[in-house]
Amino acid sequence: MPYINPHLHSLVMYLRIVVLIYPSHSHCQFVQSLLGLSFRSGVKFRFLLVLKIKMEYENKYQHVPAAKYECLLFDVDDTLYPLSSGLSKACTKNIEEFMIQKLGIEGNKVTEINRVLYKNYGTSMAGLRAVGYNFDHDDYHSFVHGRLPYENLKPDPVMRSLLLSLPIRKVIFSNGDKVHVAKVLRKLGLEDCFERVISFETLNPTNGSSTSDGEDSLKLRGLSSEILDATNCPCQSALPETPIICKPFENAFEQAFNIANINPQKTLFFDDSVRNIQTGKQIGLHTVLVGTSQRTNGADYALESIHNIREALPELWEADNKKSEGVRYSGEVAIQTSVMA
C-alpha cells in the first residue's frame, strides 16, 4: 500500500468537509479538481490552496455583525393586552375594597391614598407595606386578582404568531403574582411563547404576614392624612422604604437580570409604565413604551399596540438567530411575576 502523508490526508478530509458544508456548484468543482491532484503533487501548493479556501470562508462568515438583541423582556398587564380590556379598572376597584374591608382605611380617602401609593411605589401593595400595613401577600392577590373579569381576555392569534416567529429569547417580567400571570397568558393563548416568567413570587419569596415593620411605618398605619402627607412629599428620600421588590425599582431589574441571565445592553424591554421604562433605560435596557405612539423620556420606541411590533422593529426578524425560529415552550415554566397591584 503506498505511503500517504498524514498531514496531506487531513487536508483532503478538510476539503471534503468544506464540500458538505458549502455545497455550491463552484465550490464543489474547485474542491473536486483539487482532490483530483496526485498525492505526488507539491504539498506546499495544495496547502496554500486549502489555506485560501479557509481564509475566504472565515472572512465571509466571521465578520457577520452580532445580533443587536439577545432577549425580549415583556411586562404583562396593559402590555400584552390593551387597557380597554377593563382588567386594570377592575383591579383598582378591588384594591380599594381591600383597603377598606381588610385594612380599615376610610372609604372617602381610599382612592387618593391608592393613587399616591401607586405613584410613589410602583404597586399599591408595595406602598401599603411601606406605610406600615402588614398582610398576607397571597390573601391580597387572591382578593385583588381573584375577582378580575378574565373572561374579557380572548385568544390573540396575531400576538401568538408574532411571538413564535421571533428568533430571540422571550421572558416575562411582571409585578403580578404567578397565578394571575398564568391566567392571563392562558386566556391570551400565549402560555408556551416564553422561556420563563419572573413574577411577584420570584422576587418576593417570603410572605408578608411574617415580616416586621419599621417604627416609622408603624406610625403611619391607619392615619390617612399622615400617609398622604408622607407620600406627597417632594423629597423621594423621605419616603418610607418598602420591603417589596418590584418595578420600577432598580433592585427588581437587577434581580431579574441575574435570575434569567439577561444582558441589559442586549435586551429590549416592553412595558406600559413610563416610570418602569425610565428605570429600565437608566440601567442599560433598550426600551419600548406600549399603549401610546408618543415617545417619552427613556423610551427608544413607542407602540400604540403590541401588535405593531413588526412594523416598528422589523430588525427583530432579521436577527442572526434563525435557528430559534418557531420555538415553543412547554407552558409549564416556573411562573414567578403590573397592574395597580
Foldseek 3Di string as FASTA:
>chain_A
DDDADPVLVVLLVVLVVVCVVPVDPVSVVVSVVLVPDDSPPDPVVSVVVSVVVVVVVCVVPVPDDAFLAAEEEEEFPCAQDHPVLCQLVQLLVLLLVCCCPVQVADNVLSNVLLVLQCVLPVASVQSLQLLPDFDWPVVSLCRRQVPGPLVSQAADVLVQQVLLQQLHAYEYAAAHFLVNRLSNCVRNVNLFSHPAYAQQCNQVVDTRNPDHGDPNSNVRRRPSVVSSVQSVDPDSVSGGGGPGDGPPDPVSVVSVCVVVVDDQSNYEYEDQDPSSLQSSQVVRHAYEHECDQDDDPNHPGYYNHPSCCCVVCVVSSVHPRSVRRRDTGPSPHPHHHDRND
